[in-house]
Each structure stands twice: as structure tokens, then as C-alpha cells.
Amino acid sequence: MRERLDCAMIATTCTEDWMRPWAGRHWAGRLHFHNPLPSIDINSTGAADRLACSDMLLRRYDVCLVPVNESNLAWARTSLLAARGRLSTPTLALVGKLKAAALNDLYELGLNDFIRAPLCPEELRVRIERLLEGRRAPTQAWPGAADLPSHHLAEGARTYPAEDPRLVLDETALCSTILERTGIELDAYAAATASRSATSRESFRAAKSKIIERFETAYIKAALGRHSGNIAMAARSAQKHRRAFWALMRKYDIDAAPYRSESPSKPFTDG
């Protein structure tokens, strides 16, 4: 175990009173808590980008400790999404009164670990050590990471994949099997696509339109394929009016004819 661990506390204005007592040294000087950034006003412009934009500053610390409760949960979600693939320092949340669904959501968006309040220094130290060990052995952190190309591993201090390879879905494969995909897989793809768009110069409207277009196109084609080009059955299974389904086909220039040569679909039954 390391003699000293340095934690960067990323407080928001609604949690600064909660974190203020922890500033300084604790546990015989083996844990040091720092305030590298002023408390973030979650309602200010650019608040969601503060974590990602502080990557260089935060590299000197072993972990980012972010207090998260109901008051700043929405900010934490958007901040983790913006920081995924850009932040080198592991992120650990100090959570208060959050339910399992919220915690799972934070994990999906890039949180590395969490610890519940009240803060226990010994538990925190163990969790930080495990995170650091995972950075030293990235192939153990994500199954199959050893097979990733070298560009999936970040340069410099970052020694773990920029994105969890379980979330990096092949777009062609996803589109061809979209009706069999789970909500978690589709959410992960949408979040990853949105994250990439947010770091580019693409506008929100353009990025959103692109994601919707890809989803609608893939869904229409998959539905037609499942029902051998029968538009009425495909529309019924999608729970859309046939005219609305046909309008989407025209919008994306999708022809049902190629799907009619495929093997007959299974009889459609309600319920």
C-alpha cells in the first residue's frame, strides 16, 4: 500500500458544506484532501464541462472525489458523460441517499466507484488502492481489453481504456439486430455517440437528428426484415399506424421489396 494518497475534492455549491470538514490531512497523514477547483455552481454556463476541462490539473491527484446527492445528481450525470474518455484521473463518488437506479446510471456514464456517506477513511483508502491497481493492470479491469488495438489505450498517465469496450458497439451489427438489443445496450450506444458529438463542433440539434435518423432507419429495416417486407405487419409490431410507418419508409427511402425475398416471418400474435 502507498504511504500517501491525494484526493481532489470536486465540490459543488450545494455540497461544499458537506465536504468542507474533510479538507486537509487525515488518517495520520496517509490521506490528503485537496480543493483544486472552486465550488462549481451547477446552474452556471459550462458547469457540466468543468470536470472534463480540468483533466490536466487533476492528473496530479490519485482520485477525484465527487460528492453526489439528489441536489446535484443531474449535474453529476452530465459531467461524467462529458468527461468520459477525456479524464485521466479515476472518479469516485461520495454518495448520500441515492437509490440503486441512480448509482447504476452513474456507472454507465463513467463513474469508477462510489462510497457512501458518512465517509470512512479506511474504506476510502482501500477503494482508491483498488482503482489504482486497475489502472496498472487494464487487462484485468475489462475482459478482452488485451485484444484491443493500441489506440484504445490512452497516452501518458492514463493506462486504462478511454471507453469501456463493452460499451463500444459496432454500429453495423447493432443496426442489424436492433430489435434484439436491450435498453442498456441502446442507451450505451446513444450515450457514447452523444459524448463524441459533444466534443466536436457539431450542434446539439444536428447530433440529435443524426442519432434519431440512425435509430429510425435501423428499426424500420429490422421490422421489415422480421416480417418479410409486409408493411402492415411491420407497422403493427412497431405499434405505429401504417401511414406513419410508410411515411418513415419514404423519409429514409426504404424499399420493402428486398425484404420480401427472405424467408417468411413467424405469425404475428398480440400479447
C-alpha atoms as a PDB file:
ATOM      1  CA  MET A   1       0.000   0.000   0.000  1.00  0.00           C
ATOM      2  CA  ARG A   2       1.160   3.511  -0.774  1.00  0.00           C
ATOM      3  CA  GLU A   3       2.171   5.750   2.100  1.00  0.00           C
ATOM      4  CA  ARG A   4       0.146   8.715   0.853  1.00  0.00           C
ATOM      5  CA  LEU A   5      -2.901   9.148  -1.353  1.00  0.00           C
ATOM      6  CA  ASP A   6      -4.038  12.508  -2.688  1.00  0.00           C
ATOM      7  CA  CYS A   7      -7.740  13.098  -3.328  1.00  0.00           C
ATOM      8  CA  ALA A   8      -9.057  16.012  -5.365  1.00  0.00           C
ATOM      9  CA  MET A   9     -12.443  17.021  -3.958  1.00  0.00           C
ATOM     10  CA  ILE A  10     -14.731  18.372  -6.693  1.00  0.00           C
ATOM     11  CA  ALA A  11     -17.440  20.133  -4.733  1.00  0.00           C
ATOM     12  CA  THR A  12     -20.493  21.964  -5.992  1.00  0.00           C
ATOM     13  CA  THR A  13     -22.064  24.945  -4.256  1.00  0.00           C
ATOM     14  CA  CYS A  14     -24.843  22.700  -2.968  1.00  0.00           C
ATOM     15  CA  THR A  15     -22.391  20.218  -1.401  1.00  0.00           C
ATOM     16  CA  GLU A  16     -19.489  22.436  -0.241  1.00  0.00           C
ATOM     17  CA  ASP A  17     -20.697  22.499   3.373  1.00  0.00           C
ATOM     18  CA  TRP A  18     -20.766  18.718   3.276  1.00  0.00           C
ATOM     19  CA  MET A  19     -17.146  18.494   2.092  1.00  0.00           C
ATOM     20  CA  ARG A  20     -15.509  21.428   3.895  1.00  0.00           C
ATOM     21  CA  PRO A  21     -14.639  19.469   7.105  1.00  0.00           C
ATOM     22  CA  TRP A  22     -12.584  16.983   5.101  1.00  0.00           C
ATOM     23  CA  ALA A  23     -10.077  19.439   3.628  1.00  0.00           C
ATOM     24  CA  GLY A  24      -6.514  18.715   4.740  1.00  0.00           C
ATOM     25  CA  ARG A  25      -4.760  15.621   6.084  1.00  0.00           C
ATOM     26  CA  HIS A  26      -6.436  12.608   7.644  1.00  0.00           C
ATOM     27  CA  TRP A  27      -5.599   9.183   8.976  1.00  0.00           C
ATOM     28  CA  ALA A  28      -2.108  10.053  10.208  1.00  0.00           C
ATOM     29  CA  GLY A  29      -1.302  11.926   7.011  1.00  0.00           C
ATOM     30  CA  ARG A  30      -1.938   8.957   4.745  1.00  0.00           C
ATOM     31  CA  LEU A  31      -4.930  10.625   3.070  1.00  0.00           C
ATOM     32  CA  HIS A  32      -4.721  14.184   1.787  1.00  0.00           C
ATOM     33  CA  PHE A  33      -7.859  16.006   0.598  1.00  0.00           C
ATOM     34  CA  HIS A  34      -7.367  18.955  -1.737  1.00  0.00           C
ATOM     35  CA  ASN A  35      -9.662  21.588  -3.279  1.00  0.00           C
ATOM     36  CA  PRO A  36      -8.081  22.182  -6.710  1.00  0.00           C
ATOM     37  CA  LEU A  37     -11.203  23.909  -8.054  1.00  0.00           C
ATOM     38  CA  PRO A  38     -13.589  26.470  -6.600  1.00  0.00           C
ATOM     39  CA  SER A  39     -17.002  25.036  -5.778  1.00  0.00           C
ATOM     40  CA  ILE A  40     -18.971  24.629  -9.009  1.00  0.00           C
ATOM     41  CA  ASP A  41     -22.286  26.391  -9.429  1.00  0.00           C
ATOM     42  CA  ILE A  42     -24.295  23.667 -11.165  1.00  0.00           C
ATOM     43  CA  ASN A  43     -26.633  26.272 -12.682  1.00  0.00           C
ATOM     44  CA  SER A  44     -23.867  28.278 -14.326  1.00  0.00           C
ATOM     45  CA  THR A  45     -22.974  28.139 -18.012  1.00  0.00           C
ATOM     46  CA  GLY A  46     -20.460  25.386 -18.758  1.00  0.00           C
ATOM     47  CA  ALA A  47     -20.823  23.738 -15.332  1.00  0.00           C
ATOM     48  CA  ALA A  48     -21.140  20.293 -16.897  1.00  0.00           C
ATOM     49  CA  ASP A  49     -17.777  20.692 -18.678  1.00  0.00           C
ATOM     50  CA  ARG A  50     -15.731  21.768 -15.647  1.00  0.00           C
ATOM     51  CA  LEU A  51     -14.691  18.225 -14.742  1.00  0.00           C
ATOM     52  CA  ALA A  52     -13.618  17.280 -18.271  1.00  0.00           C
ATOM     53  CA  CYS A  53     -11.802  20.585 -18.852  1.00  0.00           C
ATOM     54  CA  SER A  54      -9.774  20.114 -15.651  1.00  0.00           C
ATOM     55  CA  ASP A  55      -8.063  16.934 -16.855  1.00  0.00           C
ATOM     56  CA  MET A  56      -4.508  18.336 -16.840  1.00  0.00           C
ATOM     57  CA  LEU A  57      -4.952  19.895 -13.404  1.00  0.00           C
ATOM     58  CA  LEU A  58      -6.397  16.698 -11.925  1.00  0.00           C
ATOM     59  CA  ARG A  59      -3.639  14.403 -13.211  1.00  0.00           C
ATOM     60  CA  ARG A  60      -1.505  15.204 -10.173  1.00  0.00           C
ATOM     61  CA  TYR A  61      -4.047  13.508  -7.897  1.00  0.00           C
ATOM     62  CA  ASP A  62      -4.761   9.826  -7.346  1.00  0.00           C
ATOM     63  CA  VAL A  63      -8.541  10.142  -7.499  1.00  0.00           C
ATOM     64  CA  CYS A  64     -11.335  12.681  -7.983  1.00  0.00           C
ATOM     65  CA  LEU A  65     -13.783  12.534  -5.100  1.00  0.00           C
ATOM     66  CA  VAL A  66     -17.144  13.960  -6.149  1.00  0.00           C
ATOM     67  CA  PRO A  67     -19.961  14.318  -3.615  1.00  0.00           C
ATOM     68  CA  VAL A  68     -23.284  13.402  -5.214  1.00  0.00           C
ATOM     69  CA  ASN A  69     -26.770  13.582  -3.759  1.00  0.00           C
ATOM     70  CA  GLU A  70     -30.227  14.407  -5.077  1.00  0.00           C
ATOM     71  CA  SER A  71     -29.430  18.123  -5.316  1.00  0.00           C
ATOM     72  CA  ASN A  72     -26.619  17.717  -7.876  1.00  0.00           C
ATOM     73  CA  LEU A  73     -27.397  14.306  -9.400  1.00  0.00           C
ATOM     74  CA  ALA A  74     -28.351  15.764 -12.783  1.00  0.00           C
ATOM     75  CA  TRP A  75     -25.100  17.749 -12.903  1.00  0.00           C
ATOM     76  CA  ALA A  76     -23.105  14.633 -11.980  1.00  0.00           C
ATOM     77  CA  ARG A  77     -24.694  12.695 -14.839  1.00  0.00           C
ATOM     78  CA  THR A  78     -23.926  15.289 -17.495  1.00  0.00           C
ATOM     79  CA  SER A  79     -20.425  15.900 -16.099  1.00  0.00           C
ATOM     80  CA  LEU A  80     -19.496  12.218 -16.183  1.00  0.00           C
ATOM     81  CA  LEU A  81     -20.816  11.911 -19.726  1.00  0.00           C
ATOM     82  CA  ALA A  82     -18.795  14.928 -20.860  1.00  0.00           C
ATOM     83  CA  ALA A  83     -15.666  13.648 -19.084  1.00  0.00           C
ATOM     84  CA  ARG A  84     -15.780  10.057 -20.329  1.00  0.00           C
ATOM     85  CA  GLY A  85     -12.718   9.357 -22.424  1.00  0.00           C
ATOM     86  CA  ARG A  86     -11.210  12.746 -21.550  1.00  0.00           C
ATOM     87  CA  LEU A  87     -10.488  12.496 -17.828  1.00  0.00           C
ATOM     88  CA  SER A  88      -7.355  10.581 -16.838  1.00  0.00           C
ATOM     89  CA  THR A  89      -7.925  10.533 -13.080  1.00  0.00           C
ATOM     90  CA  PRO A  90     -10.355   7.892 -11.725  1.00  0.00           C
ATOM     91  CA  THR A  91     -13.622   9.308 -10.420  1.00  0.00           C
ATOM     92  CA  LEU A  92     -15.088   8.129  -7.144  1.00  0.00           C
ATOM     93  CA  ALA A  93     -18.417   9.452  -5.841  1.00  0.00           C
ATOM     94  CA  LEU A  94     -19.231  10.109  -2.218  1.00  0.00           C
ATOM     95  CA  VAL A  95     -22.971   9.471  -2.329  1.00  0.00           C
ATOM     96  CA  GLY A  96     -25.748  10.358   0.031  1.00  0.00           C
ATOM     97  CA  LYS A  97     -29.265   8.907  -0.123  1.00  0.00           C
ATOM     98  CA  LEU A  98     -29.077   7.738  -3.736  1.00  0.00           C
ATOM     99  CA  LYS A  99     -31.014   4.689  -4.894  1.00  0.00           C
ATOM    100  CA  ALA A 100     -29.605   1.772  -6.867  1.00  0.00           C
ATOM    101  CA  ALA A 101     -31.042   3.036 -10.165  1.00  0.00           C
ATOM    102  CA  ALA A 102     -29.191   6.340  -9.821  1.00  0.00           C
ATOM    103  CA  LEU A 103     -25.933   4.562  -8.935  1.00  0.00           C
ATOM    104  CA  ASN A 104     -26.229   2.219 -11.908  1.00  0.00           C
ATOM    105  CA  ASP A 105     -26.848   5.240 -14.115  1.00  0.00           C
ATOM    106  CA  LEU A 106     -23.665   6.907 -12.840  1.00  0.00           C
ATOM    107  CA  TYR A 107     -21.675   3.729 -13.509  1.00  0.00           C
ATOM    108  CA  GLU A 108     -22.997   3.581 -17.077  1.00  0.00           C
ATOM    109  CA  LEU A 109     -21.888   7.183 -17.593  1.00  0.00           C
ATOM    110  CA  GLY A 110     -18.305   6.554 -16.459  1.00  0.00           C
ATOM    111  CA  LEU A 111     -18.133   6.554 -12.655  1.00  0.00           C
ATOM    112  CA  ASN A 112     -15.334   4.257 -11.479  1.00  0.00           C
ATOM    113  CA  ASP A 113     -16.548   3.575  -7.945  1.00  0.00           C
ATOM    114  CA  PHE A 114     -18.555   5.045  -5.072  1.00  0.00           C
ATOM    115  CA  ILE A 115     -18.532   5.184  -1.297  1.00  0.00           C
ATOM    116  CA  ARG A 116     -21.466   6.071   0.891  1.00  0.00           C
ATOM    117  CA  ALA A 117     -21.583   8.867   3.434  1.00  0.00           C
ATOM    118  CA  PRO A 118     -20.546   9.193   6.189  1.00  0.00           C
ATOM    119  CA  LEU A 119     -17.054   8.887   4.774  1.00  0.00           C
ATOM    120  CA  CYS A 120     -14.859   6.166   6.248  1.00  0.00           C
ATOM    121  CA  PRO A 121     -11.142   6.944   5.567  1.00  0.00           C
ATOM    122  CA  GLU A 122     -10.073   3.294   5.757  1.00  0.00           C
ATOM    123  CA  GLU A 123     -12.716   2.162   3.268  1.00  0.00           C
ATOM    124  CA  LEU A 124     -11.871   5.077   1.002  1.00  0.00           C
ATOM    125  CA  ARG A 125      -8.192   4.153   1.020  1.00  0.00           C
ATOM    126  CA  VAL A 126      -8.960   0.548   0.058  1.00  0.00           C
ATOM    127  CA  ARG A 127     -11.216   1.650  -2.802  1.00  0.00           C
ATOM    128  CA  ILE A 128      -8.606   4.083  -4.130  1.00  0.00           C
ATOM    129  CA  GLU A 129      -5.904   1.411  -3.980  1.00  0.00           C
ATOM    130  CA  ARG A 130      -8.116  -0.950  -5.974  1.00  0.00           C
ATOM    131  CA  LEU A 131      -8.789   1.725  -8.586  1.00  0.00           C
ATOM    132  CA  LEU A 132      -5.084   2.434  -8.942  1.00  0.00           C
ATOM    133  CA  GLU A 133      -4.330  -1.270  -9.214  1.00  0.00           C
ATOM    134  CA  GLY A 134      -6.917  -1.487 -12.005  1.00  0.00           C
ATOM    135  CA  ARG A 135      -5.086   1.289 -13.864  1.00  0.00           C
ATOM    136  CA  ARG A 136      -1.826  -0.629 -13.594  1.00  0.00           C
ATOM    137  CA  ALA A 137      -3.493  -3.792 -14.925  1.00  0.00           C
ATOM    138  CA  PRO A 138      -6.020  -2.666 -17.556  1.00  0.00           C
ATOM    139  CA  THR A 139      -6.481  -6.144 -18.989  1.00  0.00           C
ATOM    140  CA  GLN A 140      -7.990  -7.228 -15.678  1.00  0.00           C
ATOM    141  CA  ALA A 141     -10.351  -4.266 -15.473  1.00  0.00           C
ATOM    142  CA  TRP A 142     -12.202  -5.053 -18.726  1.00  0.00           C
ATOM    143  CA  PRO A 143     -12.452  -8.599 -20.125  1.00  0.00           C
ATOM    144  CA  GLY A 144     -10.921  -8.707 -23.562  1.00  0.00           C
ATOM    145  CA  ALA A 145      -9.069  -5.412 -23.201  1.00  0.00           C
ATOM    146  CA  ALA A 146      -5.818  -7.182 -24.069  1.00  0.00           C
ATOM    147  CA  ASP A 147      -7.166  -7.699 -27.583  1.00  0.00           C
ATOM    148  CA  LEU A 148      -7.853  -4.005 -28.155  1.00  0.00           C
ATOM    149  CA  PRO A 149      -5.721  -2.050 -30.633  1.00  0.00           C
ATOM    150  CA  SER A 150      -3.104   0.175 -29.074  1.00  0.00           C
ATOM    151  CA  HIS A 151      -5.050   3.344 -29.885  1.00  0.00           C
ATOM    152  CA  HIS A 152      -7.722   2.269 -27.395  1.00  0.00           C
ATOM    153  CA  LEU A 153      -5.186   2.807 -24.610  1.00  0.00           C
ATOM    154  CA  ALA A 154      -4.602   6.403 -23.689  1.00  0.00           C
ATOM    155  CA  GLU A 155      -1.204   8.006 -23.648  1.00  0.00           C
ATOM    156  CA  GLY A 156       0.728   9.342 -20.697  1.00  0.00           C
ATOM    157  CA  ALA A 157      -0.706   8.863 -17.261  1.00  0.00           C
ATOM    158  CA  ARG A 158      -3.886   7.114 -18.444  1.00  0.00           C
ATOM    159  CA  THR A 159      -3.323   3.364 -18.601  1.00  0.00           C
ATOM    160  CA  TYR A 160      -6.881   2.152 -18.945  1.00  0.00           C
ATOM    161  CA  PRO A 161      -9.192   2.232 -21.989  1.00  0.00           C
ATOM    162  CA  ALA A 162     -10.729   5.604 -22.724  1.00  0.00           C
ATOM    163  CA  GLU A 163     -14.107   3.883 -23.007  1.00  0.00           C
ATOM    164  CA  ASP A 164     -15.309   0.590 -21.575  1.00  0.00           C
ATOM    165  CA  PRO A 165     -15.054  -1.726 -24.606  1.00  0.00           C
ATOM    166  CA  ARG A 166     -18.346  -3.325 -23.558  1.00  0.00           C
ATOM    167  CA  LEU A 167     -19.976  -0.020 -24.484  1.00  0.00           C
ATOM    168  CA  VAL A 168     -18.217   0.420 -27.826  1.00  0.00           C
ATOM    169  CA  LEU A 169     -20.756  -1.281 -30.043  1.00  0.00           C
ATOM    170  CA  ASP A 170     -20.213  -1.969 -33.702  1.00  0.00           C
ATOM    171  CA  GLU A 171     -22.784   0.237 -35.393  1.00  0.00           C
ATOM    172  CA  THR A 172     -23.495  -2.101 -38.300  1.00  0.00           C
ATOM    173  CA  ALA A 173     -24.026  -5.081 -36.029  1.00  0.00           C
ATOM    174  CA  LEU A 174     -26.197  -3.020 -33.701  1.00  0.00           C
ATOM    175  CA  CYS A 175     -28.410  -1.739 -36.515  1.00  0.00           C
ATOM    176  CA  SER A 176     -28.905  -5.196 -37.988  1.00  0.00           C
ATOM    177  CA  THR A 177     -30.005  -6.641 -34.634  1.00  0.00           C
ATOM    178  CA  ILE A 178     -31.654  -3.589 -33.088  1.00  0.00           C
ATOM    179  CA  LEU A 179     -34.895  -5.421 -32.260  1.00  0.00           C
ATOM    180  CA  GLU A 180     -32.949  -7.907 -30.134  1.00  0.00           C
ATOM    181  CA  ARG A 181     -30.882  -5.297 -28.285  1.00  0.00           C
ATOM    182  CA  THR A 182     -31.527  -4.473 -24.646  1.00  0.00           C
ATOM    183  CA  GLY A 183     -32.284  -0.992 -23.401  1.00  0.00           C
ATOM    184  CA  ILE A 184     -28.898  -0.841 -21.683  1.00  0.00           C
ATOM    185  CA  GLU A 185     -27.072  -1.511 -24.964  1.00  0.00           C
ATOM    186  CA  LEU A 186     -29.070   1.119 -26.830  1.00  0.00           C
ATOM    187  CA  ASP A 187     -28.576   3.631 -24.014  1.00  0.00           C
ATOM    188  CA  ALA A 188     -24.835   2.948 -24.056  1.00  0.00           C
ATOM    189  CA  TYR A 189     -24.634   3.473 -27.814  1.00  0.00           C
ATOM    190  CA  ALA A 190     -26.656   6.703 -27.619  1.00  0.00           C
ATOM    191  CA  ALA A 191     -24.543   7.991 -24.729  1.00  0.00           C
ATOM    192  CA  ALA A 192     -21.272   7.175 -26.488  1.00  0.00           C
ATOM    193  CA  THR A 193     -22.440   8.818 -29.717  1.00  0.00           C
ATOM    194  CA  ALA A 194     -23.663  11.891 -27.869  1.00  0.00           C
ATOM    195  CA  SER A 195     -20.372  12.133 -25.977  1.00  0.00           C
ATOM    196  CA  ARG A 196     -18.366  12.087 -29.199  1.00  0.00           C
ATOM    197  CA  SER A 197     -20.639  14.704 -30.745  1.00  0.00           C
ATOM    198  CA  ALA A 198     -20.411  16.949 -27.683  1.00  0.00           C
ATOM    199  CA  THR A 199     -16.635  17.106 -28.011  1.00  0.00           C
ATOM    200  CA  SER A 200     -16.826  18.075 -31.670  1.00  0.00           C
ATOM    201  CA  ARG A 201     -18.170  21.218 -33.309  1.00  0.00           C
ATOM    202  CA  GLU A 202     -21.432  19.545 -34.184  1.00  0.00           C
ATOM    203  CA  SER A 203     -24.509  21.305 -32.826  1.00  0.00           C
ATOM    204  CA  PHE A 204     -26.893  19.650 -30.385  1.00  0.00           C
ATOM    205  CA  ARG A 205     -29.700  19.672 -32.954  1.00  0.00           C
ATOM    206  CA  ALA A 206     -27.547  18.109 -35.665  1.00  0.00           C
ATOM    207  CA  ALA A 207     -26.197  15.412 -33.344  1.00  0.00           C
ATOM    208  CA  LYS A 208     -29.670  14.593 -32.046  1.00  0.00           C
ATOM    209  CA  SER A 209     -31.106  14.400 -35.557  1.00  0.00           C
ATOM    210  CA  LYS A 210     -28.321  12.060 -36.639  1.00  0.00           C
ATOM    211  CA  ILE A 211     -28.920   9.659 -33.735  1.00  0.00           C
ATOM    212  CA  ILE A 212     -32.702   9.669 -34.329  1.00  0.00           C
ATOM    213  CA  GLU A 213     -32.208   9.066 -38.060  1.00  0.00           C
ATOM    214  CA  ARG A 214     -29.911   6.100 -37.419  1.00  0.00           C
ATOM    215  CA  PHE A 215     -32.333   4.583 -34.921  1.00  0.00           C
ATOM    216  CA  GLU A 216     -35.426   5.025 -37.076  1.00  0.00           C
ATOM    217  CA  THR A 217     -33.697   3.696 -40.186  1.00  0.00           C
ATOM    218  CA  ALA A 218     -32.358   0.644 -38.353  1.00  0.00           C
ATOM    219  CA  TYR A 219     -35.684  -0.051 -36.680  1.00  0.00           C
ATOM    220  CA  ILE A 220     -37.740   0.211 -39.890  1.00  0.00           C
ATOM    221  CA  LYS A 221     -35.354  -2.065 -41.778  1.00  0.00           C
ATOM    222  CA  ALA A 222     -35.243  -4.595 -38.931  1.00  0.00           C
ATOM    223  CA  ALA A 223     -39.036  -4.640 -38.668  1.00  0.00           C
ATOM    224  CA  LEU A 224     -39.414  -5.178 -42.413  1.00  0.00           C
ATOM    225  CA  GLY A 225     -36.808  -7.935 -42.302  1.00  0.00           C
ATOM    226  CA  ARG A 226     -38.582  -9.695 -39.438  1.00  0.00           C
ATOM    227  CA  HIS A 227     -41.909  -9.644 -41.339  1.00  0.00           C
ATOM    228  CA  SER A 228     -40.562 -10.396 -44.837  1.00  0.00           C
ATOM    229  CA  GLY A 229     -41.380  -6.963 -46.205  1.00  0.00           C
ATOM    230  CA  ASN A 230     -45.012  -6.999 -45.053  1.00  0.00           C
ATOM    231  CA  ILE A 231     -45.520  -3.315 -44.230  1.00  0.00           C
ATOM    232  CA  ALA A 232     -48.815  -3.825 -42.385  1.00  0.00           C
ATOM    233  CA  MET A 233     -47.347  -6.461 -40.066  1.00  0.00           C
ATOM    234  CA  ALA A 234     -44.154  -4.477 -39.527  1.00  0.00           C
ATOM    235  CA  ALA A 235     -46.165  -1.383 -38.605  1.00  0.00           C
ATOM    236  CA  ARG A 236     -48.390  -3.399 -36.291  1.00  0.00           C
ATOM    237  CA  SER A 237     -45.423  -4.931 -34.475  1.00  0.00           C
ATOM    238  CA  ALA A 238     -43.924  -1.440 -34.090  1.00  0.00           C
ATOM    239  CA  GLN A 239     -47.280  -0.225 -32.716  1.00  0.00           C
ATOM    240  CA  LYS A 240     -47.393   2.531 -35.313  1.00  0.00           C
ATOM    241  CA  HIS A 241     -50.171   3.421 -37.741  1.00  0.00           C
ATOM    242  CA  ARG A 242     -49.436   2.017 -41.182  1.00  0.00           C
ATOM    243  CA  ARG A 243     -49.476   5.504 -42.721  1.00  0.00           C
ATOM    244  CA  ALA A 244     -46.926   6.753 -40.180  1.00  0.00           C
ATOM    245  CA  PHE A 245     -44.747   3.690 -40.802  1.00  0.00           C
ATOM    246  CA  TRP A 246     -44.994   4.237 -44.556  1.00  0.00           C
ATOM    247  CA  ALA A 247     -44.086   7.915 -44.088  1.00  0.00           C
ATOM    248  CA  LEU A 248     -40.868   6.901 -42.303  1.00  0.00           C
ATOM    249  CA  MET A 249     -40.070   4.498 -45.137  1.00  0.00           C
ATOM    250  CA  ARG A 250     -40.465   7.325 -47.651  1.00  0.00           C
ATOM    251  CA  LYS A 251     -38.473   9.712 -45.471  1.00  0.00           C
ATOM    252  CA  TYR A 252     -35.456   7.394 -45.436  1.00  0.00           C
ATOM    253  CA  ASP A 253     -36.021   5.967 -48.944  1.00  0.00           C
ATOM    254  CA  ILE A 254     -36.517   2.415 -47.659  1.00  0.00           C
ATOM    255  CA  ASP A 255     -37.973  -0.109 -50.109  1.00  0.00           C
ATOM    256  CA  ALA A 256     -39.794  -3.153 -48.737  1.00  0.00           C
ATOM    257  CA  ALA A 257     -39.185  -5.233 -51.873  1.00  0.00           C
ATOM    258  CA  PRO A 258     -35.704  -6.561 -50.945  1.00  0.00           C
ATOM    259  CA  TYR A 259     -37.099  -7.982 -47.707  1.00  0.00           C
ATOM    260  CA  ARG A 260     -39.862  -9.944 -49.436  1.00  0.00           C
ATOM    261  CA  SER A 261     -37.417 -12.468 -50.882  1.00  0.00           C
ATOM    262  CA  GLU A 262     -36.315 -13.504 -47.415  1.00  0.00           C
ATOM    263  CA  SER A 263     -37.763 -16.422 -45.500  1.00  0.00           C
ATOM    264  CA  PRO A 264     -41.331 -15.989 -44.269  1.00  0.00           C
ATOM    265  CA  SER A 265     -41.713 -14.417 -40.868  1.00  0.00           C
ATOM    266  CA  LYS A 266     -43.285 -16.069 -37.873  1.00  0.00           C
ATOM    267  CA  PRO A 267     -47.018 -15.436 -37.480  1.00  0.00           C
ATOM    268  CA  PHE A 268     -47.594 -12.245 -35.518  1.00  0.00           C
ATOM    269  CA  THR A 269     -49.678 -12.566 -32.385  1.00  0.00           C
ATOM    270  CA  ASP A 270     -50.738  -9.949 -29.917  1.00  0.00           C
ATOM    271  CA  GLY A 271     -49.633 -10.210 -26.288  1.00  0.00           C
END
